[in-house]
Amino acid sequence: MQLTGCTVAGNDDSVLGWLLALAYPERIAKKKDSGRSLYITAAGLTVKVPESSLLQRYEYLVFAEVDAAAGAEARAFLAAPISKENILKSFASSIIEEESIAWDAKTESVRASKFTRLGSLQIAEQTIEADDDKIAAAICDGIRSIGLHALPWEKDSESLCDRSEWLRTQKFVGPEWPVLSGEWLMENLNSWLAPYLNGIRKRTQFEKIPLMKALKSLLSYSQIQLLDRQTPSSIVVPSGSVVHIDYAPDSAPVLAVKLQEMFGLTESPRLANGRAAVLIHLLSPARRPLAVTQDLHSFWTNTYPEIRKQMRADYPKHPWPEDPFTAMPTKKTNRALRKGT
């Protein structure tokens, strides 16, 4: 049978393909998903069949003659079809079955399959059941490929890691203190996170991961108590507001708070049993930065008078007392203060 650009001889294509396969088993090929005219051989070679060839209707071919000097894709000159059944029957001794439980980046889920292969050819794929440990390991691989941001981080879980790392890197605890840096967490996902991945198979289920529980498992009960005592996630400022503290490994903890809420306080709050002073970011009523200090007494004495001159004009509805040492700390406006609300 003569085809444009590719020749198949004989009347029984399946017999011809079988005979060619016996002679050239490495040239058995399967159509690739990426294109109608491309095939992948058992040897791993990509072969292009002419666009006009009727051979493209067959899933499996055997190439008798190819030109492998055409670059990344070889060209076919002589080929015949072969059935999947003939491949499985005639090359049973070379067929390999292997299981794979791996993260599929396209579907962002765990793919648990048994593959039937002949060399580089994937002849069949069957979905299988996989044990929880292997699925968890595949999930960890997926998280590594995406990044730690794929986990369901919340303010409390982020704060736990930040506080712990600040305490450790500032050497306020001994060398036995656990590491909770992003790098360590990523490298050790299989040890600290995998036990909490039961029932998780895809990214859309990541929100169900008990992340805070998993992170706390890295610390002993006594370490968690020490962490809460020495590095609280927030403190009560003079106005009565509860304000969050931001921790970073290489800098002082930061308390960003409206200036009026700190009236009367002359010393910066201290952490780690008094060994570290909080860096206070004093904000305007619009929460824009006005000053940064660890010495409130010096700020009230030397810097506040100049800030007061400008801010009284910019924010006349808010209190700017002449004496910040005796003024009542507040987050309210003058009008609300007068009404007692």
Protein backbone atom coordinates (compact mmCIF):
# COMPACT_ATOMS: atom_id res chain seq x y z
CA MET A 1 0.00 0.00 0.00
CA GLN A 2 1.56 3.32 -1.15
CA LEU A 3 1.00 6.47 1.00
CA THR A 4 2.22 9.99 0.35
CA GLY A 5 5.55 10.45 2.08
CA CYS A 6 5.40 7.11 3.91
CA THR A 7 5.20 3.57 2.54
CA VAL A 8 3.58 0.45 4.00
CA ALA A 9 4.00 -2.73 1.94
CA GLY A 10 1.73 -5.77 1.97
CA ASN A 11 -1.96 -6.44 2.37
CA ASP A 12 -2.11 -7.33 6.05
CA ASP A 13 -0.92 -4.28 7.97
CA SER A 14 -1.14 -5.97 11.37
CA VAL A 15 1.03 -8.88 10.27
CA LEU A 16 3.56 -6.52 8.73
CA GLY A 17 3.64 -4.44 11.90
CA TRP A 18 4.12 -7.56 14.01
CA LEU A 19 7.03 -8.72 11.82
CA LEU A 20 8.64 -5.27 11.94
CA ALA A 21 8.24 -5.21 15.71
CA LEU A 22 10.04 -8.53 16.06
CA ALA A 23 12.90 -7.14 13.97
CA TYR A 24 12.96 -3.65 15.52
CA PRO A 25 11.31 -3.75 18.96
CA GLU A 26 12.91 -0.40 19.87
CA ARG A 27 10.96 1.19 16.98
CA ILE A 28 7.53 0.30 18.31
CA ALA A 29 5.85 3.68 18.77
CA LYS A 30 2.73 5.23 20.30
CA LYS A 31 1.01 8.43 19.27
CA LYS A 32 1.82 11.38 21.52
CA ASP A 33 -0.99 13.47 23.02
CA SER A 34 0.66 16.68 21.88
CA GLY A 35 -0.03 16.20 18.15
CA ARG A 36 -1.70 13.98 15.57
CA SER A 37 1.48 13.36 13.60
CA LEU A 38 3.98 12.75 16.41
CA TYR A 39 4.88 9.35 17.86
CA ILE A 40 7.26 8.31 20.64
CA THR A 41 9.23 5.06 20.19
CA ALA A 42 10.15 2.50 22.82
CA ALA A 43 13.70 3.86 22.55
CA GLY A 44 12.46 7.36 23.42
CA LEU A 45 12.79 8.84 19.92
CA THR A 46 10.13 11.30 18.71
CA VAL A 47 9.11 10.54 15.12
CA LYS A 48 6.97 12.66 12.81
CA VAL A 49 4.62 11.00 10.33
CA PRO A 50 3.75 13.09 7.23
CA GLU A 51 0.56 15.11 7.64
CA SER A 52 -1.02 13.44 4.59
CA SER A 53 -0.35 9.90 5.79
CA LEU A 54 -3.30 7.68 6.70
CA LEU A 55 -1.07 6.05 9.30
CA GLN A 56 -2.06 8.81 11.69
CA ARG A 57 -5.32 6.99 12.36
CA TYR A 58 -3.41 4.25 14.23
CA GLU A 59 -2.42 4.58 17.87
CA TYR A 60 0.57 2.23 17.54
CA LEU A 61 3.06 2.00 14.69
CA VAL A 62 6.36 0.26 14.02
CA PHE A 63 8.90 2.22 12.00
CA ALA A 64 11.09 0.29 9.58
CA GLU A 65 12.95 3.33 8.33
CA VAL A 66 13.44 6.74 9.94
CA ASP A 67 15.69 9.71 9.39
CA ALA A 68 17.07 10.57 12.83
CA ALA A 69 19.27 13.40 11.55
CA ALA A 70 16.43 15.89 11.20
CA GLY A 71 16.89 17.51 14.61
CA ALA A 72 14.67 16.92 17.64
CA GLU A 73 12.04 15.06 15.57
CA ALA A 74 12.96 12.16 13.27
CA ARG A 75 11.03 11.60 10.03
CA ALA A 76 9.34 8.32 9.11
CA PHE A 77 9.68 6.75 5.65
CA LEU A 78 8.46 3.21 6.19
CA ALA A 79 6.01 2.09 8.87
CA ALA A 80 3.15 -0.28 9.63
CA PRO A 81 0.47 -0.39 12.34
CA ILE A 82 0.46 -2.87 15.20
CA SER A 83 -2.21 -3.60 17.75
CA LYS A 84 -1.86 -3.02 21.47
CA GLU A 85 -2.83 -6.66 22.05
CA ASN A 86 0.01 -7.88 19.82
CA ILE A 87 2.50 -5.71 21.69
CA LEU A 88 1.40 -7.03 25.09
CA LYS A 89 1.38 -10.64 23.89
CA SER A 90 4.56 -10.69 21.84
CA PHE A 91 6.72 -8.68 24.22
CA ALA A 92 5.37 -9.89 27.54
CA SER A 93 8.89 -10.59 28.83
CA SER A 94 9.91 -6.97 28.21
CA ILE A 95 6.75 -5.39 29.58
CA ILE A 96 7.25 -3.66 32.93
CA GLU A 97 4.51 -2.79 35.40
CA GLU A 98 5.30 -0.12 37.97
CA GLU A 99 3.33 1.88 40.51
CA SER A 100 3.63 5.61 40.90
CA ILE A 101 2.17 7.76 43.66
CA ALA A 102 3.23 11.27 42.76
CA TRP A 103 2.10 14.89 42.68
CA ASP A 104 0.55 15.92 39.36
CA ALA A 105 1.39 19.59 38.76
CA LYS A 106 -1.34 19.97 36.11
CA THR A 107 -4.24 18.81 38.28
CA GLU A 108 -2.54 19.89 41.56
CA SER A 109 -3.44 16.56 43.09
CA VAL A 110 -1.91 13.19 43.96
CA ARG A 111 -1.90 10.74 41.07
CA ALA A 112 -1.84 7.09 42.17
CA SER A 113 -1.44 4.81 39.16
CA LYS A 114 -0.04 1.52 37.90
CA PHE A 115 1.72 1.93 34.55
CA THR A 116 2.34 -0.74 31.94
CA ARG A 117 5.45 0.18 29.93
CA LEU A 118 7.58 -1.08 27.08
CA GLY A 119 10.75 0.94 27.23
CA SER A 120 9.69 4.59 26.94
CA LEU A 121 6.15 3.66 25.88
CA GLN A 122 3.34 3.97 28.37
CA ILE A 123 0.91 1.35 27.10
CA ALA A 124 -1.64 1.46 29.91
CA GLU A 125 -2.43 3.31 33.12
CA GLN A 126 -4.70 2.09 35.91
CA THR A 127 -5.76 4.05 38.99
CA ILE A 128 -4.84 2.26 42.23
CA GLU A 129 -5.35 2.68 45.94
CA ALA A 130 -2.34 4.01 47.84
CA ASP A 131 -1.49 4.00 51.52
CA ASP A 132 -1.68 7.21 53.51
CA ASP A 133 2.09 7.52 54.00
CA LYS A 134 2.81 7.49 50.26
CA ILE A 135 0.02 9.97 49.56
CA ALA A 136 1.34 12.28 52.29
CA ALA A 137 4.84 12.09 50.80
CA ALA A 138 3.44 13.05 47.40
CA ILE A 139 1.52 15.96 48.95
CA CYS A 140 4.77 17.18 50.53
CA ASP A 141 6.43 17.05 47.09
CA GLY A 142 3.56 19.14 45.75
CA ILE A 143 3.94 21.74 48.48
CA ARG A 144 7.68 21.93 47.78
CA SER A 145 6.95 22.57 44.09
CA ILE A 146 4.40 25.29 44.86
CA GLY A 147 5.91 26.88 47.98
CA LEU A 148 5.00 27.16 51.65
CA HIS A 149 2.47 29.86 50.78
CA ALA A 150 0.20 27.05 49.56
CA LEU A 151 -0.47 26.09 53.19
CA PRO A 152 -3.41 27.68 55.07
CA TRP A 153 -1.38 30.28 56.97
CA GLU A 154 -3.25 32.55 59.35
CA LYS A 155 -2.09 35.37 61.58
CA ASP A 156 -1.62 33.09 64.60
CA SER A 157 0.42 30.45 62.76
CA GLU A 158 2.65 33.06 61.10
CA SER A 159 3.15 34.77 64.45
CA LEU A 160 4.11 31.49 66.14
CA CYS A 161 6.95 30.91 63.67
CA ASP A 162 8.09 34.55 63.72
CA ARG A 163 8.16 34.71 67.52
CA SER A 164 9.96 31.40 67.87
CA GLU A 165 12.59 32.32 65.28
CA TRP A 166 13.19 35.74 66.87
CA LEU A 167 13.72 34.14 70.27
CA ARG A 168 16.11 31.56 68.79
CA THR A 169 18.14 33.85 66.51
CA GLN A 170 18.54 36.42 69.29
CA LYS A 171 20.02 33.58 71.39
CA PHE A 172 17.58 34.13 74.25
CA VAL A 173 17.14 30.33 74.31
CA GLY A 174 19.59 27.44 74.12
CA PRO A 175 20.77 25.56 71.00
CA GLU A 176 18.20 22.83 71.65
CA TRP A 177 15.39 25.22 70.68
CA PRO A 178 13.66 23.97 67.49
CA VAL A 179 14.10 25.76 64.17
CA LEU A 180 10.90 27.11 62.59
CA SER A 181 12.38 29.07 59.70
CA GLY A 182 10.77 28.85 56.28
CA GLU A 183 13.81 27.04 54.89
CA TRP A 184 13.74 24.39 57.63
CA LEU A 185 9.99 23.90 57.37
CA MET A 186 10.26 23.38 53.62
CA GLU A 187 13.15 20.92 53.84
CA ASN A 188 11.48 18.87 56.59
CA LEU A 189 7.87 18.73 55.42
CA ASN A 190 7.83 14.94 55.54
CA SER A 191 8.67 14.87 59.23
CA TRP A 192 6.51 17.64 60.73
CA LEU A 193 3.60 18.05 58.28
CA ALA A 194 3.05 14.61 56.76
CA PRO A 195 1.40 13.16 59.93
CA TYR A 196 -1.34 15.82 59.59
CA LEU A 197 -2.20 15.18 55.92
CA ASN A 198 -4.68 12.30 56.32
CA GLY A 199 -7.54 12.71 53.86
CA ILE A 200 -5.72 15.35 51.82
CA ARG A 201 -5.21 14.50 48.13
CA LYS A 202 -5.36 17.81 46.27
CA ARG A 203 -4.57 21.49 46.67
CA THR A 204 -8.21 22.50 47.04
CA GLN A 205 -8.20 20.51 50.30
CA PHE A 206 -5.15 22.26 51.78
CA GLU A 207 -7.42 24.55 53.80
CA LYS A 208 -8.34 21.50 55.89
CA ILE A 209 -4.73 20.99 57.05
CA PRO A 210 -4.45 21.72 60.82
CA LEU A 211 -1.37 23.87 60.31
CA MET A 212 -1.24 25.45 63.77
CA LYS A 213 -1.47 22.02 65.40
CA ALA A 214 1.33 20.71 63.18
CA LEU A 215 3.58 23.69 63.98
CA LYS A 216 2.96 23.43 67.71
CA SER A 217 3.96 19.76 67.58
CA LEU A 218 7.52 20.98 66.96
CA LEU A 219 7.57 22.61 70.41
CA SER A 220 7.20 20.99 73.79
CA TYR A 221 4.54 22.18 76.22
CA SER A 222 7.13 24.00 78.32
CA GLN A 223 8.61 25.66 75.22
CA ILE A 224 5.19 26.93 74.16
CA GLN A 225 4.65 28.38 77.65
CA LEU A 226 8.06 30.07 77.58
CA LEU A 227 7.36 31.42 74.09
CA ASP A 228 4.06 32.95 75.20
CA ARG A 229 5.65 34.53 78.27
CA GLN A 230 8.72 35.98 76.60
CA THR A 231 7.38 36.81 73.14
CA PRO A 232 3.65 37.59 73.34
CA SER A 233 1.89 38.00 70.01
CA SER A 234 0.29 41.24 71.28
CA ILE A 235 0.28 43.58 74.26
CA VAL A 236 -2.20 45.94 75.90
CA VAL A 237 -1.16 49.56 75.33
CA PRO A 238 -2.04 52.42 77.73
CA SER A 239 -5.31 53.20 75.89
CA GLY A 240 -6.51 49.65 76.56
CA SER A 241 -6.19 48.51 72.97
CA VAL A 242 -4.65 45.11 72.27
CA VAL A 243 -1.98 45.70 69.61
CA HIS A 244 -0.13 43.05 67.59
CA ILE A 245 3.68 42.84 67.76
CA ASP A 246 5.63 42.04 64.60
CA TYR A 247 8.75 39.89 64.99
CA ALA A 248 11.64 39.47 62.55
CA PRO A 249 14.81 37.43 63.21
CA ASP A 250 17.33 40.22 62.69
CA SER A 251 15.58 43.22 64.20
CA ALA A 252 13.78 44.46 67.27
CA PRO A 253 10.08 43.54 67.62
CA VAL A 254 7.85 46.28 66.24
CA LEU A 255 4.74 47.75 67.87
CA ALA A 256 2.83 49.99 65.41
CA VAL A 257 0.30 52.08 67.35
CA LYS A 258 -1.41 55.47 67.19
CA LEU A 259 0.54 58.11 69.09
CA GLN A 260 -2.42 59.16 71.27
CA GLU A 261 -2.76 55.62 72.62
CA MET A 262 0.69 55.86 74.22
CA PHE A 263 0.27 59.08 76.26
CA GLY A 264 1.70 58.72 79.74
CA LEU A 265 4.05 55.83 78.96
CA THR A 266 7.71 56.76 79.33
CA GLU A 267 9.44 53.44 78.76
CA SER A 268 9.23 51.09 75.82
CA PRO A 269 7.72 47.67 76.64
CA ARG A 270 10.36 44.99 77.03
CA LEU A 271 10.33 41.33 76.03
CA ALA A 272 12.37 38.19 76.72
CA ASN A 273 12.43 38.78 80.47
CA GLY A 274 13.31 42.43 79.97
CA ARG A 275 16.28 41.77 77.69
CA ALA A 276 14.86 43.41 74.56
CA ALA A 277 12.99 46.70 74.09
CA VAL A 278 10.13 46.94 71.61
CA LEU A 279 10.65 49.35 68.71
CA ILE A 280 7.58 51.61 68.73
CA HIS A 281 6.24 52.99 65.44
CA LEU A 282 4.08 55.94 66.48
CA LEU A 283 1.32 56.58 63.94
CA SER A 284 -0.92 59.48 63.01
CA PRO A 285 -4.72 59.14 63.30
CA ALA A 286 -4.59 58.04 59.63
CA ARG A 287 -2.03 55.39 60.64
CA ARG A 288 0.83 57.08 58.83
CA PRO A 289 4.27 56.90 60.51
CA LEU A 290 5.24 59.91 62.63
CA ALA A 291 8.23 58.59 64.59
CA VAL A 292 10.15 55.45 65.52
CA THR A 293 11.62 55.12 68.98
CA GLN A 294 12.71 52.81 71.78
CA ASP A 295 12.99 55.76 74.18
CA LEU A 296 9.55 57.22 74.80
CA HIS A 297 10.73 59.67 77.47
CA SER A 298 13.16 61.26 75.02
CA PHE A 299 10.49 61.27 72.29
CA TRP A 300 7.89 63.07 74.45
CA THR A 301 10.50 65.58 75.59
CA ASN A 302 12.36 66.38 72.38
CA THR A 303 10.36 65.26 69.33
CA TYR A 304 6.69 65.41 70.27
CA PRO A 305 6.50 69.24 70.56
CA GLU A 306 7.44 69.67 66.90
CA ILE A 307 5.09 66.90 65.77
CA ARG A 308 2.30 68.44 67.83
CA LYS A 309 2.61 71.80 66.00
CA GLN A 310 2.03 70.21 62.62
CA MET A 311 -0.46 67.52 63.61
CA ARG A 312 -2.82 69.93 65.41
CA ALA A 313 -3.45 71.55 62.03
CA ASP A 314 -3.62 68.31 60.07
CA TYR A 315 -5.80 66.41 62.56
CA PRO A 316 -7.71 69.00 64.62
CA LYS A 317 -10.38 66.47 65.68
CA HIS A 318 -7.82 64.45 67.66
CA PRO A 319 -6.17 65.35 70.99
CA TRP A 320 -2.67 66.87 70.90
CA PRO A 321 -2.10 67.86 74.55
CA GLU A 322 0.79 70.06 75.51
CA ASP A 323 1.85 67.65 78.25
CA PRO A 324 1.92 64.05 76.91
CA PHE A 325 3.24 62.72 80.22
CA THR A 326 0.01 63.41 82.10
CA ALA A 327 -2.49 63.22 79.21
CA MET A 328 -5.01 60.40 79.14
CA PRO A 329 -4.12 57.79 76.50
CA THR A 330 -6.98 57.32 74.04
CA LYS A 331 -7.96 56.15 70.59
CA LYS A 332 -10.98 58.49 70.51
CA THR A 333 -11.53 61.88 68.92
CA ASN A 334 -11.99 65.07 70.95
CA ARG A 335 -15.72 64.98 70.32
CA ALA A 336 -16.05 61.42 71.57
CA LEU A 337 -14.01 62.29 74.64
CA ARG A 338 -16.28 65.22 75.46
CA LYS A 339 -19.35 63.01 75.13
CA GLY A 340 -17.71 60.34 77.27
CA THR A 341 -18.20 57.68 74.55
